PDB file of N, CA and C in Angstrom:
ATOM      1  N   MET A   1      87.735  49.312 -75.470  1.00  0.00           N
ATOM      2  CA  MET A   1      86.612  50.220 -74.880  1.00  0.00           C
ATOM      3  C   MET A   1      85.491  49.593 -74.998  1.00  0.00           C
ATOM      4  N   GLN A   2      84.973  50.005 -74.060  1.00  0.00           N
ATOM      5  CA  GLN A   2      83.618  49.952 -73.444  1.00  0.00           C
ATOM      6  C   GLN A   2      81.903  50.709 -73.838  1.00  0.00           C
ATOM      7  N   THR A   3      81.150  50.133 -74.607  1.00  0.00           N
ATOM      8  CA  THR A   3      80.421  51.355 -74.677  1.00  0.00           C
ATOM      9  C   THR A   3      79.087  50.826 -73.584  1.00  0.00           C
ATOM     10  N   ASP A   4      78.959  51.818 -72.848  1.00  0.00           N
ATOM     11  CA  ASP A   4      77.162  51.176 -71.633  1.00  0.00           C
ATOM     12  C   ASP A   4      76.450  51.763 -72.391  1.00  0.00           C
ATOM     13  N   PRO A   5      75.579  50.555 -72.189  1.00  0.00           N
ATOM     14  CA  PRO A   5      74.231  50.671 -72.973  1.00  0.00           C
ATOM     15  C   PRO A   5      73.596  52.171 -72.298  1.00  0.00           C
ATOM     16  N   SER A   6      72.642  52.263 -73.566  1.00  0.00           N
ATOM     17  CA  SER A   6      71.314  53.614 -73.553  1.00  0.00           C
ATOM     18  C   SER A   6      70.273  52.922 -73.664  1.00  0.00           C
ATOM     19  N   PRO A   7      69.446  54.050 -73.117  1.00  0.00           N
ATOM     20  CA  PRO A   7      68.265  54.044 -73.774  1.00  0.00           C
ATOM     21  C   PRO A   7      67.993  53.638 -75.025  1.00  0.00           C
ATOM     22  N   GLU A   8      68.651  53.947 -75.767  1.00  0.00           N
ATOM     23  CA  GLU A   8      68.559  54.184 -77.342  1.00  0.00           C
ATOM     24  C   GLU A   8      69.022  52.273 -77.657  1.00  0.00           C
ATOM     25  N   HIS A   9      70.067  51.910 -76.733  1.00  0.00           N
ATOM     26  CA  HIS A   9      70.226  50.477 -76.835  1.00  0.00           C
ATOM     27  C   HIS A   9      69.017  49.713 -76.492  1.00  0.00           C
ATOM     28  N   ALA A  10      68.537  50.336 -75.283  1.00  0.00           N
ATOM     29  CA  ALA A  10      67.154  48.988 -74.580  1.00  0.00           C
ATOM     30  C   ALA A  10      66.457  49.402 -75.556  1.00  0.00           C
ATOM     31  N   TRP A  11      66.271  50.446 -76.727  1.00  0.00           N
ATOM     32  CA  TRP A  11      64.738  50.371 -77.569  1.00  0.00           C
ATOM     33  C   TRP A  11      64.903  49.450 -78.470  1.00  0.00           C
ATOM     34  N   LEU A  12      66.048  48.722 -78.656  1.00  0.00           N
ATOM     35  CA  LEU A  12      66.173  47.427 -79.769  1.00  0.00           C
ATOM     36  C   LEU A  12      65.696  46.431 -79.539  1.00  0.00           C
ATOM     37  N   LYS A  13      65.865  46.021 -78.160  1.00  0.00           N
ATOM     38  CA  LYS A  13      65.031  45.369 -77.413  1.00  0.00           C
ATOM     39  C   LYS A  13      63.755  44.464 -77.890  1.00  0.00           C
ATOM     40  N   GLN A  14      63.158  45.227 -78.395  1.00  0.00           N
ATOM     41  CA  GLN A  14      61.566  45.479 -78.805  1.00  0.00           C
ATOM     42  C   GLN A  14      61.391  44.451 -79.778  1.00  0.00           C
ATOM     43  N   LEU A  15      62.863  44.639 -80.864  1.00  0.00           N
ATOM     44  CA  LEU A  15      62.481  44.002 -81.734  1.00  0.00           C
ATOM     45  C   LEU A  15      62.719  42.247 -82.118  1.00  0.00           C
ATOM     46  N   VAL A  16      63.713  42.165 -80.616  1.00  0.00           N
ATOM     47  CA  VAL A  16      63.841  40.529 -80.940  1.00  0.00           C
ATOM     48  C   VAL A  16      62.284  39.686 -80.988  1.00  0.00           C
ATOM     49  N   GLY A  17      62.554  38.562 -81.635  1.00  0.00           N
ATOM     50  CA  GLY A  17      61.444  37.691 -82.136  1.00  0.00           C
ATOM     51  C   GLY A  17      61.534  36.831 -83.745  1.00  0.00           C
ATOM     52  N   ASP A  18      60.898  36.303 -83.656  1.00  0.00           N
ATOM     53  CA  ASP A  18      60.551  36.011 -85.089  1.00  0.00           C
ATOM     54  C   ASP A  18      59.002  36.721 -85.597  1.00  0.00           C
ATOM     55  N   TRP A  19      59.680  36.881 -86.981  1.00  0.00           N
ATOM     56  CA  TRP A  19      58.228  37.985 -87.633  1.00  0.00           C
ATOM     57  C   TRP A  19      58.251  37.306 -88.542  1.00  0.00           C
ATOM     58  N   ARG A  20      56.996  37.643 -89.268  1.00  0.00           N
ATOM     59  CA  ARG A  20      56.647  37.615 -90.678  1.00  0.00           C
ATOM     60  C   ARG A  20      56.097  39.131 -91.459  1.00  0.00           C
ATOM     61  N   PHE A  21      56.798  39.011 -92.526  1.00  0.00           N
ATOM     62  CA  PHE A  21      56.275  40.391 -93.039  1.00  0.00           C
ATOM     63  C   PHE A  21      56.151  40.263 -94.712  1.00  0.00           C
ATOM     64  N   GLU A  22      55.564  41.062 -95.003  1.00  0.00           N
ATOM     65  CA  GLU A  22      54.939  41.453 -96.608  1.00  0.00           C
ATOM     66  C   GLU A  22      55.772  42.515 -97.324  1.00  0.00           C
ATOM     67  N   HIS A  23      56.339  42.295 -98.288  1.00  0.00           N
ATOM     68  CA  HIS A  23      56.925  43.594 -98.683  1.00  0.00           C
ATOM     69  C   HIS A  23      56.357  43.678 -99.875  1.00  0.00           C
ATOM     70  N   GLU A  24      55.935  45.226 -99.940  1.00  0.00           N
ATOM     71  CA  GLU A  24      56.050  45.934-101.538  1.00  0.00           C
ATOM     72  C   GLU A  24      57.507  46.334-102.116  1.00  0.00           C
ATOM     73  N   PHE A  25      56.727  45.816-103.362  1.00  0.00           N
ATOM     74  CA  PHE A  25      57.615  46.079-104.340  1.00  0.00           C
ATOM     75  C   PHE A  25      57.289  46.522-105.818  1.00  0.00           C
ATOM     76  N   SER A  26      57.678  47.165-106.292  1.00  0.00           N
ATOM     77  CA  SER A  26      57.661  47.742-107.737  1.00  0.00           C
ATOM     78  C   SER A  26      59.037  47.617-108.792  1.00  0.00           C
ATOM     79  N   PRO A  27      58.548  46.283-109.491  1.00  0.00           N
ATOM     80  CA  PRO A  27      59.655  45.903-110.379  1.00  0.00           C
ATOM     81  C   PRO A  27      59.622  47.392-111.597  1.00  0.00           C
ATOM     82  N   GLY A  28      59.345  48.102-111.860  1.00  0.00           N
ATOM     83  CA  GLY A  28      59.887  49.247-112.578  1.00  0.00           C
ATOM     84  C   GLY A  28      58.648  50.286-112.707  1.00  0.00           C
ATOM     85  N   PRO A  29      58.958  51.716-113.088  1.00  0.00           N
ATOM     86  CA  PRO A  29      58.007  52.296-113.836  1.00  0.00           C
ATOM     87  C   PRO A  29      56.929  52.159-114.020  1.00  0.00           C
ATOM     88  N   GLY A  30      55.503  52.628-113.782  1.00  0.00           N
ATOM     89  CA  GLY A  30      54.270  52.709-114.476  1.00  0.00           C
ATOM     90  C   GLY A  30      53.788  50.713-114.232  1.00  0.00           C
ATOM     91  N   GLU A  31      54.768  50.020-113.767  1.00  0.00           N
ATOM     92  CA  GLU A  31      54.448  48.481-113.225  1.00  0.00           C
ATOM     93  C   GLU A  31      53.687  48.241-111.942  1.00  0.00           C
ATOM     94  N   PRO A  32      52.831  47.526-111.674  1.00  0.00           N
ATOM     95  CA  PRO A  32      51.859  47.122-110.346  1.00  0.00           C
ATOM     96  C   PRO A  32      52.858  46.548-109.281  1.00  0.00           C
ATOM     97  N   THR A  33      52.565  46.997-108.280  1.00  0.00           N
ATOM     98  CA  THR A  33      53.362  46.522-107.083  1.00  0.00           C
ATOM     99  C   THR A  33      52.951  45.030-106.647  1.00  0.00           C
ATOM    100  N   ILE A  34      54.338  44.567-106.439  1.00  0.00           N
ATOM    101  CA  ILE A  34      53.719  43.449-106.056  1.00  0.00           C
ATOM    102  C   ILE A  34      53.901  43.067-104.565  1.00  0.00           C
ATOM    103  N   LYS A  35      53.015  42.449-103.690  1.00  0.00           N
ATOM    104  CA  LYS A  35      53.169  41.891-102.647  1.00  0.00           C
ATOM    105  C   LYS A  35      54.246  40.973-102.273  1.00  0.00           C
ATOM    106  N   LEU A  36      55.495  40.668-101.335  1.00  0.00           N
ATOM    107  CA  LEU A  36      55.882  39.512-101.350  1.00  0.00           C
ATOM    108  C   LEU A  36      55.879  38.958 -99.867  1.00  0.00           C
ATOM    109  N   PRO A  37      55.674  37.994 -99.304  1.00  0.00           N
ATOM    110  CA  PRO A  37      56.000  37.353 -98.020  1.00  0.00           C
ATOM    111  C   PRO A  37      57.392  37.008 -97.720  1.00  0.00           C
ATOM    112  N   GLY A  38      57.631  37.300 -96.248  1.00  0.00           N
ATOM    113  CA  GLY A  38      59.102  37.227 -95.893  1.00  0.00           C
ATOM    114  C   GLY A  38      58.885  36.313 -94.166  1.00  0.00           C
ATOM    115  N   ARG A  39      60.044  36.301 -93.619  1.00  0.00           N
ATOM    116  CA  ARG A  39      60.042  35.862 -92.636  1.00  0.00           C
ATOM    117  C   ARG A  39      61.352  36.573 -91.839  1.00  0.00           C
ATOM    118  N   GLU A  40      61.561  36.537 -90.538  1.00  0.00           N
ATOM    119  CA  GLU A  40      62.758  37.008 -90.057  1.00  0.00           C
ATOM    120  C   GLU A  40      63.073  36.597 -88.579  1.00  0.00           C
ATOM    121  N   LYS A  41      64.151  36.382 -88.090  1.00  0.00           N
ATOM    122  CA  LYS A  41      64.518  36.028 -86.301  1.00  0.00           C
ATOM    123  C   LYS A  41      65.295  36.761 -86.171  1.00  0.00           C
ATOM    124  N   VAL A  42      65.046  38.044 -85.383  1.00  0.00           N
ATOM    125  CA  VAL A  42      65.886  39.321 -84.948  1.00  0.00           C
ATOM    126  C   VAL A  42      66.399  38.319 -83.360  1.00  0.00           C
ATOM    127  N   ARG A  43      67.498  38.272 -82.848  1.00  0.00           N
ATOM    128  CA  ARG A  43      68.119  38.524 -81.771  1.00  0.00           C
ATOM    129  C   ARG A  43      69.185  39.630 -81.463  1.00  0.00           C
ATOM    130  N   MET A  44      69.534  39.401 -79.795  1.00  0.00           N
ATOM    131  CA  MET A  44      70.378  40.714 -79.106  1.00  0.00           C
ATOM    132  C   MET A  44      71.666  40.349 -79.212  1.00  0.00           C
ATOM    133  N   MET A  45      72.607  40.860 -80.057  1.00  0.00           N
ATOM    134  CA  MET A  45      73.894  40.166 -79.475  1.00  0.00           C
ATOM    135  C   MET A  45      74.518  41.610 -78.428  1.00  0.00           C
ATOM    136  N   GLY A  46      74.531  40.916 -77.279  1.00  0.00           N
ATOM    137  CA  GLY A  46      75.031  41.549 -76.099  1.00  0.00           C
ATOM    138  C   GLY A  46      74.003  42.741 -76.004  1.00  0.00           C
ATOM    139  N   ASP A  47      74.134  43.870 -75.311  1.00  0.00           N
ATOM    140  CA  ASP A  47      73.281  44.590 -75.063  1.00  0.00           C
ATOM    141  C   ASP A  47      73.219  45.870 -75.961  1.00  0.00           C
ATOM    142  N   LEU A  48      74.039  45.623 -76.963  1.00  0.00           N
ATOM    143  CA  LEU A  48      74.212  47.083 -77.988  1.00  0.00           C
ATOM    144  C   LEU A  48      73.950  46.675 -79.455  1.00  0.00           C
ATOM    145  N   TRP A  49      73.499  45.715 -79.400  1.00  0.00           N
ATOM    146  CA  TRP A  49      73.340  45.105 -81.410  1.00  0.00           C
ATOM    147  C   TRP A  49      72.442  44.195 -81.364  1.00  0.00           C
ATOM    148  N   VAL A  50      71.472  44.532 -82.039  1.00  0.00           N
ATOM    149  CA  VAL A  50      70.851  43.369 -82.700  1.00  0.00           C
ATOM    150  C   VAL A  50      71.205  42.747 -84.069  1.00  0.00           C
ATOM    151  N   VAL A  51      70.973  41.423 -84.333  1.00  0.00           N
ATOM    152  CA  VAL A  51      71.009  40.908 -85.437  1.00  0.00           C
ATOM    153  C   VAL A  51      69.713  40.160 -85.954  1.00  0.00           C
ATOM    154  N   PHE A  52      69.238  40.554 -87.621  1.00  0.00           N
ATOM    155  CA  PHE A  52      68.248  40.195 -88.164  1.00  0.00           C
ATOM    156  C   PHE A  52      69.126  39.062 -88.705  1.00  0.00           C
ATOM    157  N   GLU A  53      68.012  37.954 -89.506  1.00  0.00           N
ATOM    158  CA  GLU A  53      68.545  36.863 -90.035  1.00  0.00           C
ATOM    159  C   GLU A  53      67.130  36.697 -90.986  1.00  0.00           C
ATOM    160  N   GLY A  54      67.282  36.877 -92.274  1.00  0.00           N
ATOM    161  CA  GLY A  54      65.625  36.526 -92.814  1.00  0.00           C
ATOM    162  C   GLY A  54      65.847  36.713 -94.143  1.00  0.00           C
ATOM    163  N   GLY A  55      64.786  36.439 -94.808  1.00  0.00           N
ATOM    164  CA  GLY A  55      64.724  35.830 -96.016  1.00  0.00           C
ATOM    165  C   GLY A  55      63.083  35.716 -96.868  1.00  0.00           C
ATOM    166  N   GLY A  56      62.954  35.237 -97.936  1.00  0.00           N
ATOM    167  CA  GLY A  56      61.752  35.591 -98.728  1.00  0.00           C
ATOM    168  C   GLY A  56      61.660  35.376 -99.811  1.00  0.00           C
ATOM    169  N   GLU A  57      60.669  35.466-100.608  1.00  0.00           N
ATOM    170  CA  GLU A  57      60.556  35.182-101.880  1.00  0.00           C
ATOM    171  C   GLU A  57      60.891  36.391-102.811  1.00  0.00           C
ATOM    172  N   MET A  58      61.735  36.630-103.966  1.00  0.00           N
ATOM    173  CA  MET A  58      61.715  37.455-104.911  1.00  0.00           C
ATOM    174  C   MET A  58      60.768  37.775-105.748  1.00  0.00           C
ATOM    175  N   HIS A  59      60.798  38.815-106.240  1.00  0.00           N
ATOM    176  CA  HIS A  59      59.630  38.755-107.904  1.00  0.00           C
ATOM    177  C   HIS A  59      60.218  38.257-108.970  1.00  0.00           C
ATOM    178  N   THR A  60      61.059  37.598-108.749  1.00  0.00           N
ATOM    179  CA  THR A  60      61.612  36.676-109.611  1.00  0.00           C
ATOM    180  C   THR A  60      60.764  34.923-109.546  1.00  0.00           C
ATOM    181  N   GLY A  61      60.419  34.694-108.258  1.00  0.00           N
ATOM    182  CA  GLY A  61      60.075  34.099-107.801  1.00  0.00           C
ATOM    183  C   GLY A  61      61.227  32.895-106.898  1.00  0.00           C
ATOM    184  N   ASP A  62      62.360  33.378-106.878  1.00  0.00           N
ATOM    185  CA  ASP A  62      63.804  32.395-106.423  1.00  0.00           C
ATOM    186  C   ASP A  62      63.597  32.893-104.950  1.00  0.00           C
ATOM    187  N   GLU A  63      63.879  32.387-104.206  1.00  0.00           N
ATOM    188  CA  GLU A  63      64.243  32.936-102.542  1.00  0.00           C
ATOM    189  C   GLU A  63      65.270  33.217-102.484  1.00  0.00           C
ATOM    190  N   MET A  64      65.475  34.315-101.399  1.00  0.00           N
ATOM    191  CA  MET A  64      66.811  34.956-101.450  1.00  0.00           C
ATOM    192  C   MET A  64      67.199  34.972 -99.594  1.00  0.00           C
ATOM    193  N   SER A  65      68.375  35.156 -99.249  1.00  0.00           N
ATOM    194  CA  SER A  65      67.894  35.449 -97.613  1.00  0.00           C
ATOM    195  C   SER A  65      69.380  36.408 -97.320  1.00  0.00           C
ATOM    196  N   TYR A  66      69.341  37.271 -96.365  1.00  0.00           N
ATOM    197  CA  TYR A  66      69.949  38.376 -96.059  1.00  0.00           C
ATOM    198  C   TYR A  66      70.055  38.424 -94.228  1.00  0.00           C
ATOM    199  N   LEU A  67      71.006  39.478 -93.889  1.00  0.00           N
ATOM    200  CA  LEU A  67      71.720  39.336 -92.121  1.00  0.00           C
ATOM    201  C   LEU A  67      71.672  40.832 -92.428  1.00  0.00           C
ATOM    202  N   MET A  68      71.103  41.475 -91.144  1.00  0.00           N
ATOM    203  CA  MET A  68      71.382  42.770 -91.115  1.00  0.00           C
ATOM    204  C   MET A  68      71.501  43.216 -89.302  1.00  0.00           C
ATOM    205  N   THR A  69      72.437  44.352 -89.286  1.00  0.00           N
ATOM    206  CA  THR A  69      72.884  44.722 -88.432  1.00  0.00           C
ATOM    207  C   THR A  69      72.429  45.648 -88.063  1.00  0.00           C
ATOM    208  N   LEU A  70      71.940  46.034 -86.333  1.00  0.00           N
ATOM    209  CA  LEU A  70      71.453  47.331 -86.188  1.00  0.00           C
ATOM    210  C   LEU A  70      71.420  47.747 -84.859  1.00  0.00           C
ATOM    211  N   GLY A  71      72.659  48.610 -84.545  1.00  0.00           N
ATOM    212  CA  GLY A  71      72.782  49.449 -82.748  1.00  0.00           C
ATOM    213  C   GLY A  71      72.852  50.904 -83.278  1.00  0.00           C
ATOM    214  N   PHE A  72      73.161  51.625 -81.991  1.00  0.00           N
ATOM    215  CA  PHE A  72      72.902  53.025 -81.900  1.00  0.00           C
ATOM    216  C   PHE A  72      74.875  53.653 -81.174  1.00  0.00           C
ATOM    217  N   ASP A  73      75.111  54.444 -82.319  1.00  0.00           N
ATOM    218  CA  ASP A  73      76.304  54.690 -81.916  1.00  0.00           C
ATOM    219  C   ASP A  73      76.271  56.335 -81.574  1.00  0.00           C
ATOM    220  N   PRO A  74      76.900  56.047 -80.203  1.00  0.00           N
ATOM    221  CA  PRO A  74      76.455  57.433 -78.988  1.00  0.00           C
ATOM    222  C   PRO A  74      77.549  58.774 -79.578  1.00  0.00           C
ATOM    223  N   ASN A  75      78.434  58.625 -80.607  1.00  0.00           N
ATOM    224  CA  ASN A  75      79.502  59.525 -80.904  1.00  0.00           C
ATOM    225  C   ASN A  75      78.706  60.059 -81.989  1.00  0.00           C
ATOM    226  N   LYS A  76      77.862  59.333 -83.062  1.00  0.00           N
ATOM    227  CA  LYS A  76      76.925  59.977 -84.452  1.00  0.00           C
ATOM    228  C   LYS A  76      75.364  60.654 -83.870  1.00  0.00           C
ATOM    229  N   GLY A  77      75.167  59.984 -83.167  1.00  0.00           N
ATOM    230  CA  GLY A  77      73.589  60.270 -82.196  1.00  0.00           C
ATOM    231  C   GLY A  77      72.797  59.557 -83.289  1.00  0.00           C
ATOM    232  N   ALA A  78      73.012  58.293 -84.008  1.00  0.00           N
ATOM    233  CA  ALA A  78      72.091  57.728 -84.514  1.00  0.00           C
ATOM    234  C   ALA A  78      72.207  56.378 -84.863  1.00  0.00           C
ATOM    235  N   TYR A  79      71.181  55.761 -85.247  1.00  0.00           N
ATOM    236  CA  TYR A  79      71.120  54.234 -84.993  1.00  0.00           C
ATOM    237  C   TYR A  79      71.911  53.793 -86.669  1.00  0.00           C
ATOM    238  N   VAL A  80      72.541  52.774 -86.129  1.00  0.00           N
ATOM    239  CA  VAL A  80      73.436  52.668 -87.497  1.00  0.00           C
ATOM    240  C   VAL A  80      73.383  51.069 -87.843  1.00  0.00           C
ATOM    241  N   GLY A  81      73.951  50.480 -88.974  1.00  0.00           N
ATOM    242  CA  GLY A  81      73.478  49.469 -89.432  1.00  0.00           C
ATOM    243  C   GLY A  81      74.139  48.677 -90.692  1.00  0.00           C
ATOM    244  N   SER A  82      73.928  47.921 -91.155  1.00  0.00           N
ATOM    245  CA  SER A  82      74.657  47.042 -92.391  1.00  0.00           C
ATOM    246  C   SER A  82      74.049  46.250 -92.632  1.00  0.00           C
ATOM    247  N   TRP A  83      73.497  45.654 -94.192  1.00  0.00           N
ATOM    248  CA  TRP A  83      72.833  44.875 -94.526  1.00  0.00           C
ATOM    249  C   TRP A  83      73.155  44.178 -95.704  1.00  0.00           C
ATOM    250  N   ILE A  84      73.107  42.570 -95.715  1.00  0.00           N
ATOM    251  CA  ILE A  84      74.119  42.166 -96.666  1.00  0.00           C
ATOM    252  C   ILE A  84      72.985  41.271 -97.590  1.00  0.00           C
ATOM    253  N   GLY A  85      72.742  40.365 -98.620  1.00  0.00           N
ATOM    254  CA  GLY A  85      71.693  40.099 -99.020  1.00  0.00           C
ATOM    255  C   GLY A  85      71.986  39.052-100.172  1.00  0.00           C
ATOM    256  N   SER A  86      71.994  37.619-100.374  1.00  0.00           N
ATOM    257  CA  SER A  86      71.917  36.678-101.142  1.00  0.00           C
ATOM    258  C   SER A  86      71.837  37.143-102.802  1.00  0.00           C
ATOM    259  N   PRO A  87      71.079  37.983-103.132  1.00  0.00           N
ATOM    260  CA  PRO A  87      71.645  38.008-104.409  1.00  0.00           C
ATOM    261  C   PRO A  87      72.468  39.211-104.698  1.00  0.00           C
ATOM    262  N   MET A  88      73.373  39.853-103.783  1.00  0.00           N
ATOM    263  CA  MET A  88      74.187  40.958-103.891  1.00  0.00           C
ATOM    264  C   MET A  88      75.391  40.692-103.903  1.00  0.00           C
ATOM    265  N   ALA A  89      76.404  41.465-104.231  1.00  0.00           N
ATOM    266  CA  ALA A  89      77.826  41.306-103.846  1.00  0.00           C
ATOM    267  C   ALA A  89      78.312  42.460-103.142  1.00  0.00           C
ATOM    268  N   HIS A  90      77.048  43.747-102.691  1.00  0.00           N
ATOM    269  CA  HIS A  90      78.048  44.611-102.328  1.00  0.00           C
ATOM    270  C   HIS A  90      77.125  44.873-100.790  1.00  0.00           C
ATOM    271  N   ARG A  91      77.576  45.272 -99.604  1.00  0.00           N
ATOM    272  CA  ARG A  91      76.582  45.772 -98.519  1.00  0.00           C
ATOM    273  C   ARG A  91      76.149  47.141 -98.809  1.00  0.00           C
ATOM    274  N   ALA A  92      75.256  46.976 -98.182  1.00  0.00           N
ATOM    275  CA  ALA A  92      74.304  48.285 -97.929  1.00  0.00           C
ATOM    276  C   ALA A  92      74.469  48.803 -96.143  1.00  0.00           C
ATOM    277  N   ARG A  93      75.038  50.365 -96.370  1.00  0.00           N
ATOM    278  CA  ARG A  93      74.932  50.776 -94.403  1.00  0.00           C
ATOM    279  C   ARG A  93      73.895  51.574 -94.502  1.00  0.00           C
ATOM    280  N   SER A  94      73.819  52.112 -93.139  1.00  0.00           N
ATOM    281  CA  SER A  94      72.036  52.619 -92.813  1.00  0.00           C
ATOM    282  C   SER A  94      72.249  53.512 -91.539  1.00  0.00           C
ATOM    283  N   ARG A  95      72.143  54.332 -91.682  1.00  0.00           N
ATOM    284  CA  ARG A  95      72.384  55.207 -90.431  1.00  0.00           C
ATOM    285  C   ARG A  95      70.932  56.468 -90.611  1.00  0.00           C
ATOM    286  N   ARG A  96      70.444  56.324 -89.390  1.00  0.00           N
ATOM    287  CA  ARG A  96      69.125  57.012 -89.047  1.00  0.00           C
ATOM    288  C   ARG A  96      69.400  57.805 -87.977  1.00  0.00           C
ATOM    289  N   ALA A  97      69.015  58.589 -88.198  1.00  0.00           N
ATOM    290  CA  ALA A  97      68.798  59.894 -86.799  1.00  0.00           C
ATOM    291  C   ALA A  97      67.902  59.226 -85.546  1.00  0.00           C
ATOM    292  N   ALA A  98      68.513  59.668 -84.206  1.00  0.00           N
ATOM    293  CA  ALA A  98      67.600  58.313 -83.614  1.00  0.00           C
ATOM    294  C   ALA A  98      65.871  58.818 -83.113  1.00  0.00           C
ATOM    295  N   ARG A  99      65.779  60.185 -83.256  1.00  0.00           N
ATOM    296  CA  ARG A  99      64.615  60.586 -83.342  1.00  0.00           C
ATOM    297  C   ARG A  99      64.182  60.508 -84.425  1.00  0.00           C
ATOM    298  N   ARG A 100      64.093  59.698 -85.750  1.00  0.00           N
ATOM    299  CA  ARG A 100      63.610  59.206 -86.342  1.00  0.00           C
ATOM    300  C   ARG A 100      63.347  58.087 -86.653  1.00  0.00           C
ATOM    301  N   CYS A 101      63.840  57.005 -86.085  1.00  0.00           N
ATOM    302  CA  CYS A 101      63.600  55.843 -85.688  1.00  0.00           C
ATOM    303  C   CYS A 101      62.754  55.201 -85.081  1.00  0.00           C
ATOM    304  N   ARG A 102      61.687  54.728 -85.055  1.00  0.00           N
ATOM    305  CA  ARG A 102      60.895  54.451 -84.209  1.00  0.00           C
ATOM    306  C   ARG A 102      59.889  53.441 -84.780  1.00  0.00           C
ATOM    307  N   SER A 103      59.281  52.670 -83.601  1.00  0.00           N
ATOM    308  CA  SER A 103      58.450  51.528 -83.933  1.00  0.00           C
ATOM    309  C   SER A 103      57.107  51.819 -84.191  1.00  0.00           C
ATOM    310  N   ARG A 104      56.821  51.367 -84.996  1.00  0.00           N
ATOM    311  CA  ARG A 104      54.727  51.724 -84.938  1.00  0.00           C
ATOM    312  C   ARG A 104      54.304  50.487 -84.312  1.00  0.00           C
ATOM    313  N   GLN A 105      53.506  50.939 -83.067  1.00  0.00           N
ATOM    314  CA  GLN A 105      53.213  49.713 -82.625  1.00  0.00           C
ATOM    315  C   GLN A 105      52.223  49.016 -83.165  1.00  0.00           C
ATOM    316  N   ARG A 106      51.220  49.967 -84.030  1.00  0.00           N
ATOM    317  CA  ARG A 106      50.324  48.922 -84.381  1.00  0.00           C
ATOM    318  C   ARG A 106      51.154  48.530 -85.771  1.00  0.00           C
ATOM    319  N   GLY A 107      51.447  46.703 -85.601  1.00  0.00           N
ATOM    320  CA  GLY A 107      52.061  46.250 -86.549  1.00  0.00           C
ATOM    321  C   GLY A 107      53.207  46.513 -86.265  1.00  0.00           C
ATOM    322  N   ARG A 108      53.874  47.097 -85.648  1.00  0.00           N
ATOM    323  CA  ARG A 108      55.310  46.875 -84.876  1.00  0.00           C
ATOM    324  C   ARG A 108      56.232  47.161 -86.392  1.00  0.00           C
ATOM    325  N   ALA A 109      56.130  47.841 -87.422  1.00  0.00           N
ATOM    326  CA  ALA A 109      57.016  48.186 -88.540  1.00  0.00           C
ATOM    327  C   ALA A 109      57.960  49.009 -87.693  1.00  0.00           C
ATOM    328  N   LEU A 110      59.001  48.808 -88.429  1.00  0.00           N
ATOM    329  CA  LEU A 110      60.451  49.753 -88.850  1.00  0.00           C
ATOM    330  C   LEU A 110      60.856  49.819 -89.689  1.00  0.00           C
ATOM    331  N   LYS A 111      61.147  51.130 -90.540  1.00  0.00           N
ATOM    332  CA  LYS A 111      61.404  51.238 -91.658  1.00  0.00           C
ATOM    333  C   LYS A 111      62.896  51.707 -91.420  1.00  0.00           C
ATOM    334  N   ILE A 112      64.252  51.015 -92.274  1.00  0.00           N
ATOM    335  CA  ILE A 112      65.536  51.897 -92.326  1.00  0.00           C
ATOM    336  C   ILE A 112      65.745  51.631 -93.872  1.00  0.00           C
ATOM    337  N   ARG A 113      66.031  52.717 -94.059  1.00  0.00           N
ATOM    338  CA  ARG A 113      66.183  52.804 -95.463  1.00  0.00           C
ATOM    339  C   ARG A 113      67.843  53.129 -95.621  1.00  0.00           C
ATOM    340  N   PRO A 114      68.259  52.843 -96.573  1.00  0.00           N
ATOM    341  CA  PRO A 114      69.857  52.472 -96.932  1.00  0.00           C
ATOM    342  C   PRO A 114      70.316  53.393 -97.032  1.00  0.00           C
ATOM    343  N   SER A 115      71.237  54.418 -96.287  1.00  0.00           N
ATOM    344  CA  SER A 115      72.073  55.340 -96.432  1.00  0.00           C
ATOM    345  C   SER A 115      73.018  55.477 -97.823  1.00  0.00           C
ATOM    346  N   SER A 116      73.443  53.945 -98.107  1.00  0.00           N
ATOM    347  CA  SER A 116      74.633  53.426 -98.929  1.00  0.00           C
ATOM    348  C   SER A 116      74.396  52.177 -99.683  1.00  0.00           C
ATOM    349  N   PHE A 117      73.852  52.424-100.776  1.00  0.00           N
ATOM    350  CA  PHE A 117      73.882  51.064-101.223  1.00  0.00           C
ATOM    351  C   PHE A 117      75.051  50.777-102.512  1.00  0.00           C
ATOM    352  N   GLY A 118      76.459  51.238-101.913  1.00  0.00           N
ATOM    353  CA  GLY A 118      77.850  51.462-103.050  1.00  0.00           C
ATOM    354  C   GLY A 118      78.419  50.287-102.510  1.00  0.00           C
ATOM    355  N   THR A 119      79.603  49.754-103.079  1.00  0.00           N
ATOM    356  CA  THR A 119      80.653  48.782-102.841  1.00  0.00           C
ATOM    357  C   THR A 119      80.730  48.274-101.752  1.00  0.00           C
ATOM    358  N   GLY A 120      80.706  49.225-100.828  1.00  0.00           N
ATOM    359  CA  GLY A 120      81.002  49.071 -99.518  1.00  0.00           C
ATOM    360  C   GLY A 120      82.401  49.442 -98.732  1.00  0.00           C
ATOM    361  N   THR A 121      83.449  50.042 -99.658  1.00  0.00           N
ATOM    362  CA  THR A 121      84.364  50.176 -99.589  1.00  0.00           C
ATOM    363  C   THR A 121      84.706  51.789 -99.266  1.00  0.00           C
TER     364      THR A 121
END
């Protein structure tokens, strides 16, 4: 079964590159937000998926690394993906409706919120 690339798949190509980012993290209610630096390398896997490999400093001062996938599922009409990180023993899955997954040109930010931080079962 082969999927032909769609405009939603072509949209993913703008994410390819080497990136630096700043992550805002709140350790708990009432505690100040901490800004943490990170880096990310994004590459295409064929014409349908992007693979993110990144890492950075955690609020504990330790380093972490992660892998993320992102693609478009035409049957669901949504961008879908997964995320695994070195400090966690489970994976997160993501699904975002195509109309809500946009890159802001200023800073080229992409917000992806996981739909599941379950055990991955």
